[in-house]
Amino acid sequence: GRLSVPRSFIVPPEHPWPERLWGLKLGHHVQSIRVQGAYSEYREKLDAMGFEWDVRDVTWNLILDCIYVYRALNVDKDPEMLKKSNDGRRSVTNPWSSKGQIPRDFV
């Protein structure tokens, strides 16, 4: 998966987090890395970790998945479109995602 830290994330005061990091506003620092180019000398390390540079893509994919689930449940009335994954959570099967566009009647 891609590494995307929410802007509001603060390191909790609990283990396994190192005590010296408790209370660190990690999301704020990550935002600075994305927007202001802070720590740019470490870009290769961040890329290797799967750092998400453009969170708009992550947000859009989440929104699209939610819209698809809503449509399957409330418009199509076909919950079978939502398949169960091996771990018991619902996974979304979006027939339009590979086509790169959403039909006008999608929403």
PDB file of N, CA and C in Angstrom:
ATOM      1  N   GLY A   1       0.802  -1.189   0.000  1.00  0.00           N
ATOM      2  CA  GLY A   1       0.000   0.000   0.000  1.00  0.00           C
ATOM      3  C   GLY A   1       0.848   1.258   0.000  1.00  0.00           C
ATOM      4  N   ARG A   2       0.189   2.340  -0.255  1.00  0.00           N
ATOM      5  CA  ARG A   2       0.861   3.635  -0.286  1.00  0.00           C
ATOM      6  C   ARG A   2       0.874   4.242   1.104  1.00  0.00           C
ATOM      7  N   LEU A   3       1.931   4.954   1.417  1.00  0.00           N
ATOM      8  CA  LEU A   3       2.096   5.582   2.721  1.00  0.00           C
ATOM      9  C   LEU A   3       1.496   6.978   2.691  1.00  0.00           C
ATOM     10  N   SER A   4       0.366   7.146   3.363  1.00  0.00           N
ATOM     11  CA  SER A   4      -0.329   8.425   3.398  1.00  0.00           C
ATOM     12  C   SER A   4      -0.712   8.729   4.842  1.00  0.00           C
ATOM     13  N   VAL A   5      -0.008   9.665   5.466  1.00  0.00           N
ATOM     14  CA  VAL A   5      -0.257  10.033   6.859  1.00  0.00           C
ATOM     15  C   VAL A   5      -1.271  11.173   6.888  1.00  0.00           C
ATOM     16  N   PRO A   6      -2.396  11.011   7.609  1.00  0.00           N
ATOM     17  CA  PRO A   6      -3.375  12.106   7.699  1.00  0.00           C
ATOM     18  C   PRO A   6      -2.756  13.342   8.353  1.00  0.00           C
ATOM     19  N   ARG A   7      -3.157  14.523   7.890  1.00  0.00           N
ATOM     20  CA  ARG A   7      -2.609  15.770   8.418  1.00  0.00           C
ATOM     21  C   ARG A   7      -2.863  15.907   9.918  1.00  0.00           C
ATOM     22  N   SER A   8      -3.923  15.324  10.421  1.00  0.00           N
ATOM     23  CA  SER A   8      -4.275  15.464  11.833  1.00  0.00           C
ATOM     24  C   SER A   8      -3.561  14.457  12.750  1.00  0.00           C
ATOM     25  N   PHE A   9      -2.745  13.570  12.178  1.00  0.00           N
ATOM     26  CA  PHE A   9      -2.149  12.510  12.991  1.00  0.00           C
ATOM     27  C   PHE A   9      -1.094  13.043  13.953  1.00  0.00           C
ATOM     28  N   ILE A  10      -1.274  12.693  15.224  1.00  0.00           N
ATOM     29  CA  ILE A  10      -0.314  13.007  16.285  1.00  0.00           C
ATOM     30  C   ILE A  10       0.113  11.676  16.889  1.00  0.00           C
ATOM     31  N   VAL A  11       1.414  11.491  17.081  1.00  0.00           N
ATOM     32  CA  VAL A  11       1.918  10.237  17.636  1.00  0.00           C
ATOM     33  C   VAL A  11       1.316  10.039  19.033  1.00  0.00           C
ATOM     34  N   PRO A  12       0.631   8.921  19.240  1.00  0.00           N
ATOM     35  CA  PRO A  12      -0.016   8.686  20.539  1.00  0.00           C
ATOM     36  C   PRO A  12       1.005   8.347  21.631  1.00  0.00           C
ATOM     37  N   PRO A  13       0.676   8.675  22.879  1.00  0.00           N
ATOM     38  CA  PRO A  13       1.582   8.392  23.991  1.00  0.00           C
ATOM     39  C   PRO A  13       1.455   6.947  24.461  1.00  0.00           C
ATOM     40  N   GLU A  14       1.872   6.046  23.617  1.00  0.00           N
ATOM     41  CA  GLU A  14       1.774   4.622  23.937  1.00  0.00           C
ATOM     42  C   GLU A  14       2.792   3.838  23.130  1.00  0.00           C
ATOM     43  N   HIS A  15       3.047   2.647  23.598  1.00  0.00           N
ATOM     44  CA  HIS A  15       3.963   1.764  22.880  1.00  0.00           C
ATOM     45  C   HIS A  15       3.186   1.102  21.757  1.00  0.00           C
ATOM     46  N   PRO A  16       3.762   0.842  20.611  1.00  0.00           N
ATOM     47  CA  PRO A  16       5.184   0.701  20.348  1.00  0.00           C
ATOM     48  C   PRO A  16       5.900   1.990  19.951  1.00  0.00           C
ATOM     49  N   TRP A  17       5.232   3.130  20.009  1.00  0.00           N
ATOM     50  CA  TRP A  17       5.879   4.390  19.649  1.00  0.00           C
ATOM     51  C   TRP A  17       6.964   4.720  20.675  1.00  0.00           C
ATOM     52  N   PRO A  18       8.151   5.111  20.216  1.00  0.00           N
ATOM     53  CA  PRO A  18       9.198   5.515  21.159  1.00  0.00           C
ATOM     54  C   PRO A  18       8.715   6.716  21.990  1.00  0.00           C
ATOM     55  N   GLU A  19       8.990   6.693  23.267  1.00  0.00           N
ATOM     56  CA  GLU A  19       8.499   7.719  24.179  1.00  0.00           C
ATOM     57  C   GLU A  19       8.933   9.121  23.754  1.00  0.00           C
ATOM     58  N   ARG A  20      10.111   9.233  23.183  1.00  0.00           N
ATOM     59  CA  ARG A  20      10.607  10.556  22.777  1.00  0.00           C
ATOM     60  C   ARG A  20       9.788  11.154  21.630  1.00  0.00           C
ATOM     61  N   LEU A  21       8.958  10.332  20.975  1.00  0.00           N
ATOM     62  CA  LEU A  21       8.139  10.821  19.853  1.00  0.00           C
ATOM     63  C   LEU A  21       6.694  11.109  20.245  1.00  0.00           C
ATOM     64  N   TRP A  22       6.301  10.731  21.453  1.00  0.00           N
ATOM     65  CA  TRP A  22       4.920  10.936  21.889  1.00  0.00           C
ATOM     66  C   TRP A  22       4.534  12.406  21.753  1.00  0.00           C
ATOM     67  N   GLY A  23       3.395  12.650  21.151  1.00  0.00           N
ATOM     68  CA  GLY A  23       2.900  14.015  20.986  1.00  0.00           C
ATOM     69  C   GLY A  23       3.400  14.717  19.727  1.00  0.00           C
ATOM     70  N   LEU A  24       4.302  14.085  18.981  1.00  0.00           N
ATOM     71  CA  LEU A  24       4.816  14.699  17.749  1.00  0.00           C
ATOM     72  C   LEU A  24       3.683  14.836  16.735  1.00  0.00           C
ATOM     73  N   LYS A  25       3.541  15.999  16.152  1.00  0.00           N
ATOM     74  CA  LYS A  25       2.502  16.246  15.142  1.00  0.00           C
ATOM     75  C   LYS A  25       3.020  15.759  13.787  1.00  0.00           C
ATOM     76  N   LEU A  26       3.039  14.444  13.635  1.00  0.00           N
ATOM     77  CA  LEU A  26       3.599  13.841  12.435  1.00  0.00           C
ATOM     78  C   LEU A  26       2.863  14.288  11.184  1.00  0.00           C
ATOM     79  N   GLY A  27       1.545  14.345  11.251  1.00  0.00           N
ATOM     80  CA  GLY A  27       0.769  14.778  10.089  1.00  0.00           C
ATOM     81  C   GLY A  27       1.147  16.175   9.625  1.00  0.00           C
ATOM     82  N   HIS A  28       1.430  17.075  10.564  1.00  0.00           N
ATOM     83  CA  HIS A  28       1.860  18.434  10.238  1.00  0.00           C
ATOM     84  C   HIS A  28       3.201  18.397   9.501  1.00  0.00           C
ATOM     85  N   HIS A  29       4.118  17.583   9.985  1.00  0.00           N
ATOM     86  CA  HIS A  29       5.432  17.482   9.340  1.00  0.00           C
ATOM     87  C   HIS A  29       5.324  16.871   7.944  1.00  0.00           C
ATOM     88  N   VAL A  30       4.471  15.869   7.812  1.00  0.00           N
ATOM     89  CA  VAL A  30       4.273  15.239   6.505  1.00  0.00           C
ATOM     90  C   VAL A  30       3.687  16.247   5.522  1.00  0.00           C
ATOM     91  N   GLN A  31       2.755  17.078   5.990  1.00  0.00           N
ATOM     92  CA  GLN A  31       2.180  18.123   5.143  1.00  0.00           C
ATOM     93  C   GLN A  31       3.272  19.084   4.665  1.00  0.00           C
ATOM     94  N   SER A  32       4.190  19.433   5.550  1.00  0.00           N
ATOM     95  CA  SER A  32       5.308  20.319   5.178  1.00  0.00           C
ATOM     96  C   SER A  32       6.192  19.675   4.116  1.00  0.00           C
ATOM     97  N   ILE A  33       6.370  18.377   4.236  1.00  0.00           N
ATOM     98  CA  ILE A  33       7.175  17.665   3.230  1.00  0.00           C
ATOM     99  C   ILE A  33       6.487  17.752   1.879  1.00  0.00           C
ATOM    100  N   ARG A  34       5.171  17.524   1.850  1.00  0.00           N
ATOM    101  CA  ARG A  34       4.435  17.542   0.580  1.00  0.00           C
ATOM    102  C   ARG A  34       4.338  18.935  -0.026  1.00  0.00           C
ATOM    103  N   VAL A  35       3.961  19.912   0.779  1.00  0.00           N
ATOM    104  CA  VAL A  35       3.630  21.241   0.263  1.00  0.00           C
ATOM    105  C   VAL A  35       4.858  22.145   0.116  1.00  0.00           C
ATOM    106  N   GLN A  36       5.702  22.148   1.128  1.00  0.00           N
ATOM    107  CA  GLN A  36       6.825  23.085   1.134  1.00  0.00           C
ATOM    108  C   GLN A  36       8.136  22.464   0.693  1.00  0.00           C
ATOM    109  N   GLY A  37       8.135  21.173   0.451  1.00  0.00           N
ATOM    110  CA  GLY A  37       9.361  20.511   0.015  1.00  0.00           C
ATOM    111  C   GLY A  37      10.382  20.320   1.131  1.00  0.00           C
ATOM    112  N   ALA A  38       9.910  20.368   2.392  1.00  0.00           N
ATOM    113  CA  ALA A  38      10.816  20.161   3.520  1.00  0.00           C
ATOM    114  C   ALA A  38      11.463  18.779   3.414  1.00  0.00           C
ATOM    115  N   TYR A  39      12.684  18.675   3.844  1.00  0.00           N
ATOM    116  CA  TYR A  39      13.441  17.413   3.844  1.00  0.00           C
ATOM    117  C   TYR A  39      13.587  16.832   2.451  1.00  0.00           C
ATOM    118  N   SER A  40      13.659  17.679   1.436  1.00  0.00           N
ATOM    119  CA  SER A  40      13.727  17.198   0.058  1.00  0.00           C
ATOM    120  C   SER A  40      14.948  16.324  -0.197  1.00  0.00           C
ATOM    121  N   GLU A  41      15.978  16.491   0.619  1.00  0.00           N
ATOM    122  CA  GLU A  41      17.179  15.662   0.441  1.00  0.00           C
ATOM    123  C   GLU A  41      16.917  14.189   0.775  1.00  0.00           C
ATOM    124  N   TYR A  42      15.764  13.896   1.376  1.00  0.00           N
ATOM    125  CA  TYR A  42      15.410  12.527   1.731  1.00  0.00           C
ATOM    126  C   TYR A  42      14.338  11.937   0.819  1.00  0.00           C
ATOM    127  N   ARG A  43      14.106  12.576  -0.299  1.00  0.00           N
ATOM    128  CA  ARG A  43      13.030  12.145  -1.199  1.00  0.00           C
ATOM    129  C   ARG A  43      13.178  10.683  -1.627  1.00  0.00           C
ATOM    130  N   GLU A  44      14.390  10.256  -1.930  1.00  0.00           N
ATOM    131  CA  GLU A  44      14.583   8.864  -2.363  1.00  0.00           C
ATOM    132  C   GLU A  44      14.168   7.879  -1.278  1.00  0.00           C
ATOM    133  N   LYS A  45      14.494   8.186  -0.019  1.00  0.00           N
ATOM    134  CA  LYS A  45      14.103   7.312   1.086  1.00  0.00           C
ATOM    135  C   LYS A  45      12.584   7.273   1.224  1.00  0.00           C
ATOM    136  N   LEU A  46      11.958   8.435   1.102  1.00  0.00           N
ATOM    137  CA  LEU A  46      10.499   8.492   1.206  1.00  0.00           C
ATOM    138  C   LEU A  46       9.841   7.717   0.062  1.00  0.00           C
ATOM    139  N   ASP A  47      10.365   7.867  -1.139  1.00  0.00           N
ATOM    140  CA  ASP A  47       9.839   7.122  -2.287  1.00  0.00           C
ATOM    141  C   ASP A  47       9.949   5.617  -2.056  1.00  0.00           C
ATOM    142  N   ALA A  48      11.089   5.185  -1.516  1.00  0.00           N
ATOM    143  CA  ALA A  48      11.310   3.756  -1.261  1.00  0.00           C
ATOM    144  C   ALA A  48      10.322   3.210  -0.229  1.00  0.00           C
ATOM    145  N   MET A  49       9.867   4.083   0.676  1.00  0.00           N
ATOM    146  CA  MET A  49       8.896   3.674   1.697  1.00  0.00           C
ATOM    147  C   MET A  49       7.462   3.693   1.169  1.00  0.00           C
ATOM    148  N   GLY A  50       7.261   4.204  -0.050  1.00  0.00           N
ATOM    149  CA  GLY A  50       5.914   4.287  -0.621  1.00  0.00           C
ATOM    150  C   GLY A  50       5.186   5.564  -0.238  1.00  0.00           C
ATOM    151  N   PHE A  51       5.939   6.623   0.074  1.00  0.00           N
ATOM    152  CA  PHE A  51       5.358   7.904   0.482  1.00  0.00           C
ATOM    153  C   PHE A  51       4.419   8.428  -0.581  1.00  0.00           C
ATOM    154  N   GLU A  52       3.231   8.840  -0.165  1.00  0.00           N
ATOM    155  CA  GLU A  52       2.222   9.376  -1.082  1.00  0.00           C
ATOM    156  C   GLU A  52       2.415  10.874  -1.216  1.00  0.00           C
ATOM    157  N   TRP A  53       2.861  11.315  -2.385  1.00  0.00           N
ATOM    158  CA  TRP A  53       3.145  12.739  -2.601  1.00  0.00           C
ATOM    159  C   TRP A  53       1.885  13.527  -2.913  1.00  0.00           C
ATOM    160  N   ASP A  54       0.934  12.930  -3.601  1.00  0.00           N
ATOM    161  CA  ASP A  54      -0.288  13.640  -3.972  1.00  0.00           C
ATOM    162  C   ASP A  54      -1.483  12.944  -3.319  1.00  0.00           C
ATOM    163  N   VAL A  55      -1.908  13.463  -2.178  1.00  0.00           N
ATOM    164  CA  VAL A  55      -3.002  12.819  -1.440  1.00  0.00           C
ATOM    165  C   VAL A  55      -4.347  13.007  -2.124  1.00  0.00           C
ATOM    166  N   ARG A  56      -4.419  13.885  -3.113  1.00  0.00           N
ATOM    167  CA  ARG A  56      -5.685  14.026  -3.839  1.00  0.00           C
ATOM    168  C   ARG A  56      -6.059  12.715  -4.515  1.00  0.00           C
ATOM    169  N   ASP A  57      -5.061  11.980  -5.018  1.00  0.00           N
ATOM    170  CA  ASP A  57      -5.342  10.688  -5.643  1.00  0.00           C
ATOM    171  C   ASP A  57      -5.909   9.706  -4.629  1.00  0.00           C
ATOM    172  N   VAL A  58      -5.327   9.690  -3.427  1.00  0.00           N
ATOM    173  CA  VAL A  58      -5.799   8.793  -2.375  1.00  0.00           C
ATOM    174  C   VAL A  58      -7.227   9.159  -2.002  1.00  0.00           C
ATOM    175  N   THR A  59      -7.479  10.441  -1.788  1.00  0.00           N
ATOM    176  CA  THR A  59      -8.810  10.896  -1.411  1.00  0.00           C
ATOM    177  C   THR A  59      -9.823  10.574  -2.499  1.00  0.00           C
ATOM    178  N   TRP A  60      -9.471  10.836  -3.742  1.00  0.00           N
ATOM    179  CA  TRP A  60     -10.387  10.559  -4.842  1.00  0.00           C
ATOM    180  C   TRP A  60     -10.742   9.081  -4.901  1.00  0.00           C
ATOM    181  N   ASN A  61      -9.769   8.202  -4.744  1.00  0.00           N
ATOM    182  CA  ASN A  61     -10.038   6.771  -4.796  1.00  0.00           C
ATOM    183  C   ASN A  61     -10.959   6.343  -3.659  1.00  0.00           C
ATOM    184  N   LEU A  62     -10.787   6.916  -2.475  1.00  0.00           N
ATOM    185  CA  LEU A  62     -11.679   6.611  -1.352  1.00  0.00           C
ATOM    186  C   LEU A  62     -13.098   7.079  -1.633  1.00  0.00           C
ATOM    187  N   ILE A  63     -13.221   8.292  -2.153  1.00  0.00           N
ATOM    188  CA  ILE A  63     -14.544   8.840  -2.485  1.00  0.00           C
ATOM    189  C   ILE A  63     -15.214   7.990  -3.555  1.00  0.00           C
ATOM    190  N   LEU A  64     -14.460   7.632  -4.586  1.00  0.00           N
ATOM    191  CA  LEU A  64     -15.011   6.824  -5.670  1.00  0.00           C
ATOM    192  C   LEU A  64     -15.495   5.472  -5.148  1.00  0.00           C
ATOM    193  N   ASP A  65     -14.712   4.836  -4.282  1.00  0.00           N
ATOM    194  CA  ASP A  65     -15.132   3.557  -3.713  1.00  0.00           C
ATOM    195  C   ASP A  65     -16.416   3.714  -2.896  1.00  0.00           C
ATOM    196  N   CYS A  66     -16.510   4.780  -2.129  1.00  0.00           N
ATOM    197  CA  CYS A  66     -17.727   5.015  -1.325  1.00  0.00           C
ATOM    198  C   CYS A  66     -18.940   5.245  -2.211  1.00  0.00           C
ATOM    199  N   ILE A  67     -18.769   6.010  -3.268  1.00  0.00           N
ATOM    200  CA  ILE A  67     -19.882   6.257  -4.197  1.00  0.00           C
ATOM    201  C   ILE A  67     -20.318   4.945  -4.844  1.00  0.00           C
ATOM    202  N   TYR A  68     -19.359   4.121  -5.204  1.00  0.00           N
ATOM    203  CA  TYR A  68     -19.685   2.841  -5.830  1.00  0.00           C
ATOM    204  C   TYR A  68     -20.474   1.947  -4.865  1.00  0.00           C
ATOM    205  N   VAL A  69     -20.038   1.884  -3.610  1.00  0.00           N
ATOM    206  CA  VAL A  69     -20.751   1.079  -2.613  1.00  0.00           C
ATOM    207  C   VAL A  69     -22.160   1.631  -2.404  1.00  0.00           C
ATOM    208  N   TYR A  70     -22.278   2.956  -2.299  1.00  0.00           N
ATOM    209  CA  TYR A  70     -23.596   3.572  -2.127  1.00  0.00           C
ATOM    210  C   TYR A  70     -24.510   3.186  -3.281  1.00  0.00           C
ATOM    211  N   ARG A  71     -23.989   3.289  -4.501  1.00  0.00           N
ATOM    212  CA  ARG A  71     -24.828   2.952  -5.645  1.00  0.00           C
ATOM    213  C   ARG A  71     -25.238   1.482  -5.621  1.00  0.00           C
ATOM    214  N   ALA A  72     -24.298   0.598  -5.323  1.00  0.00           N
ATOM    215  CA  ALA A  72     -24.598  -0.830  -5.294  1.00  0.00           C
ATOM    216  C   ALA A  72     -25.700  -1.143  -4.280  1.00  0.00           C
ATOM    217  N   LEU A  73     -25.642  -0.474  -3.130  1.00  0.00           N
ATOM    218  CA  LEU A  73     -26.601  -0.762  -2.058  1.00  0.00           C
ATOM    219  C   LEU A  73     -27.921  -0.023  -2.214  1.00  0.00           C
ATOM    220  N   ASN A  74     -27.877   1.223  -2.721  1.00  0.00           N
ATOM    221  CA  ASN A  74     -29.063   2.066  -2.701  1.00  0.00           C
ATOM    222  C   ASN A  74     -29.715   2.293  -4.057  1.00  0.00           C
ATOM    223  N   VAL A  75     -28.981   2.190  -5.125  1.00  0.00           N
ATOM    224  CA  VAL A  75     -29.549   2.426  -6.451  1.00  0.00           C
ATOM    225  C   VAL A  75     -29.760   1.103  -7.171  1.00  0.00           C
ATOM    226  N   ASP A  76     -28.698   0.316  -7.282  1.00  0.00           N
ATOM    227  CA  ASP A  76     -28.797  -0.973  -7.963  1.00  0.00           C
ATOM    228  C   ASP A  76     -29.456  -2.027  -7.091  1.00  0.00           C
ATOM    229  N   LYS A  77     -29.439  -1.805  -5.768  1.00  0.00           N
ATOM    230  CA  LYS A  77     -29.984  -2.770  -4.806  1.00  0.00           C
ATOM    231  C   LYS A  77     -29.368  -4.153  -5.021  1.00  0.00           C
ATOM    232  N   ASP A  78     -28.061  -4.172  -5.279  1.00  0.00           N
ATOM    233  CA  ASP A  78     -27.360  -5.418  -5.564  1.00  0.00           C
ATOM    234  C   ASP A  78     -26.108  -5.538  -4.706  1.00  0.00           C
ATOM    235  N   PRO A  79     -26.276  -5.956  -3.432  1.00  0.00           N
ATOM    236  CA  PRO A  79     -25.118  -6.069  -2.557  1.00  0.00           C
ATOM    237  C   PRO A  79     -24.123  -7.132  -3.006  1.00  0.00           C
ATOM    238  N   GLU A  80     -24.518  -8.003  -3.951  1.00  0.00           N
ATOM    239  CA  GLU A  80     -23.577  -9.006  -4.453  1.00  0.00           C
ATOM    240  C   GLU A  80     -22.435  -8.355  -5.231  1.00  0.00           C
ATOM    241  N   MET A  81     -22.639  -7.113  -5.661  1.00  0.00           N
ATOM    242  CA  MET A  81     -21.567  -6.393  -6.351  1.00  0.00           C
ATOM    243  C   MET A  81     -20.413  -6.119  -5.395  1.00  0.00           C
ATOM    244  N   LEU A  82     -20.702  -6.180  -4.105  1.00  0.00           N
ATOM    245  CA  LEU A  82     -19.677  -5.973  -3.091  1.00  0.00           C
ATOM    246  C   LEU A  82     -19.243  -7.342  -2.606  1.00  0.00           C
ATOM    247  N   LYS A  83     -18.062  -7.730  -2.969  1.00  0.00           N
ATOM    248  CA  LYS A  83     -17.588  -9.064  -2.628  1.00  0.00           C
ATOM    249  C   LYS A  83     -16.863  -9.053  -1.299  1.00  0.00           C
ATOM    250  N   LYS A  84     -16.941 -10.153  -0.582  1.00  0.00           N
ATOM    251  CA  LYS A  84     -16.206 -10.295   0.676  1.00  0.00           C
ATOM    252  C   LYS A  84     -14.791 -10.749   0.348  1.00  0.00           C
ATOM    253  N   SER A  85     -13.818 -10.104   0.999  1.00  0.00           N
ATOM    254  CA  SER A  85     -12.438 -10.525   0.817  1.00  0.00           C
ATOM    255  C   SER A  85     -12.142 -11.649   1.801  1.00  0.00           C
ATOM    256  N   ASN A  86     -10.975 -12.211   1.715  1.00  0.00           N
ATOM    257  CA  ASN A  86     -10.601 -13.331   2.578  1.00  0.00           C
ATOM    258  C   ASN A  86     -10.588 -12.964   4.052  1.00  0.00           C
ATOM    259  N   ASP A  87     -10.310 -11.701   4.380  1.00  0.00           N
ATOM    260  CA  ASP A  87     -10.242 -11.313   5.785  1.00  0.00           C
ATOM    261  C   ASP A  87     -11.604 -10.881   6.334  1.00  0.00           C
ATOM    262  N   GLY A  88     -12.690 -11.047   5.559  1.00  0.00           N
ATOM    263  CA  GLY A  88     -14.025 -10.757   6.044  1.00  0.00           C
ATOM    264  C   GLY A  88     -14.488  -9.338   5.796  1.00  0.00           C
ATOM    265  N   ARG A  89     -13.599  -8.452   5.357  1.00  0.00           N
ATOM    266  CA  ARG A  89     -14.008  -7.076   5.068  1.00  0.00           C
ATOM    267  C   ARG A  89     -14.558  -7.009   3.665  1.00  0.00           C
ATOM    268  N   ARG A  90     -15.408  -6.027   3.436  1.00  0.00           N
ATOM    269  CA  ARG A  90     -15.940  -5.841   2.087  1.00  0.00           C
ATOM    270  C   ARG A  90     -14.850  -5.256   1.197  1.00  0.00           C
ATOM    271  N   SER A  91     -14.788  -5.728  -0.020  1.00  0.00           N
ATOM    272  CA  SER A  91     -13.914  -5.100  -0.994  1.00  0.00           C
ATOM    273  C   SER A  91     -14.777  -4.665  -2.164  1.00  0.00           C
ATOM    274  N   VAL A  92     -14.414  -3.582  -2.762  1.00  0.00           N
ATOM    275  CA  VAL A  92     -15.226  -3.004  -3.822  1.00  0.00           C
ATOM    276  C   VAL A  92     -14.742  -3.507  -5.169  1.00  0.00           C
ATOM    277  N   THR A  93     -15.661  -3.952  -5.996  1.00  0.00           N
ATOM    278  CA  THR A  93     -15.353  -4.329  -7.361  1.00  0.00           C
ATOM    279  C   THR A  93     -15.972  -3.264  -8.253  1.00  0.00           C
ATOM    280  N   ASN A  94     -15.146  -2.383  -8.775  1.00  0.00           N
ATOM    281  CA  ASN A  94     -15.637  -1.267  -9.566  1.00  0.00           C
ATOM    282  C   ASN A  94     -15.424  -1.561 -11.051  1.00  0.00           C
ATOM    283  N   PRO A  95     -16.488  -1.852 -11.790  1.00  0.00           N
ATOM    284  CA  PRO A  95     -16.337  -2.226 -13.192  1.00  0.00           C
ATOM    285  C   PRO A  95     -15.853  -1.086 -14.079  1.00  0.00           C
ATOM    286  N   TRP A  96     -15.926   0.163 -13.594  1.00  0.00           N
ATOM    287  CA  TRP A  96     -15.514   1.286 -14.426  1.00  0.00           C
ATOM    288  C   TRP A  96     -14.088   1.726 -14.179  1.00  0.00           C
ATOM    289  N   SER A  97     -13.454   1.241 -13.111  1.00  0.00           N
ATOM    290  CA  SER A  97     -12.149   1.769 -12.735  1.00  0.00           C
ATOM    291  C   SER A  97     -11.100   1.529 -13.805  1.00  0.00           C
ATOM    292  N   SER A  98     -11.167   0.427 -14.531  1.00  0.00           N
ATOM    293  CA  SER A  98     -10.158   0.147 -15.549  1.00  0.00           C
ATOM    294  C   SER A  98     -10.383   0.971 -16.814  1.00  0.00           C
ATOM    295  N   LYS A  99     -11.562   1.554 -16.956  1.00  0.00           N
ATOM    296  CA  LYS A  99     -11.864   2.333 -18.148  1.00  0.00           C
ATOM    297  C   LYS A  99     -11.443   3.787 -18.017  1.00  0.00           C
ATOM    298  N   GLY A 100     -11.088   4.205 -16.798  1.00  0.00           N
ATOM    299  CA  GLY A 100     -10.592   5.552 -16.602  1.00  0.00           C
ATOM    300  C   GLY A 100     -11.655   6.628 -16.578  1.00  0.00           C
ATOM    301  N   GLN A 101     -12.913   6.258 -16.670  1.00  0.00           N
ATOM    302  CA  GLN A 101     -13.969   7.266 -16.605  1.00  0.00           C
ATOM    303  C   GLN A 101     -15.198   6.666 -15.949  1.00  0.00           C
ATOM    304  N   ILE A 102     -16.050   7.526 -15.491  1.00  0.00           N
ATOM    305  CA  ILE A 102     -17.269   7.112 -14.807  1.00  0.00           C
ATOM    306  C   ILE A 102     -18.450   7.476 -15.699  1.00  0.00           C
ATOM    307  N   PRO A 103     -19.367   6.548 -15.955  1.00  0.00           N
ATOM    308  CA  PRO A 103     -20.531   6.879 -16.776  1.00  0.00           C
ATOM    309  C   PRO A 103     -21.320   8.033 -16.171  1.00  0.00           C
ATOM    310  N   ARG A 104     -21.956   8.839 -17.011  1.00  0.00           N
ATOM    311  CA  ARG A 104     -22.701  10.004 -16.542  1.00  0.00           C
ATOM    312  C   ARG A 104     -23.792   9.627 -15.549  1.00  0.00           C
ATOM    313  N   ASP A 105     -24.376   8.454 -15.692  1.00  0.00           N
ATOM    314  CA  ASP A 105     -25.456   8.072 -14.788  1.00  0.00           C
ATOM    315  C   ASP A 105     -24.938   7.412 -13.518  1.00  0.00           C
ATOM    316  N   PHE A 106     -23.648   7.460 -13.293  1.00  0.00           N
ATOM    317  CA  PHE A 106     -23.055   6.794 -12.133  1.00  0.00           C
ATOM    318  C   PHE A 106     -23.571   7.353 -10.824  1.00  0.00           C
ATOM    319  N   VAL A 107     -23.699   8.675 -10.711  1.00  0.00           N
ATOM    320  CA  VAL A 107     -24.164   9.271  -9.469  1.00  0.00           C
ATOM    321  C   VAL A 107     -25.510   9.920  -9.672  1.00  0.00           C
TER     322      VAL A 107
END
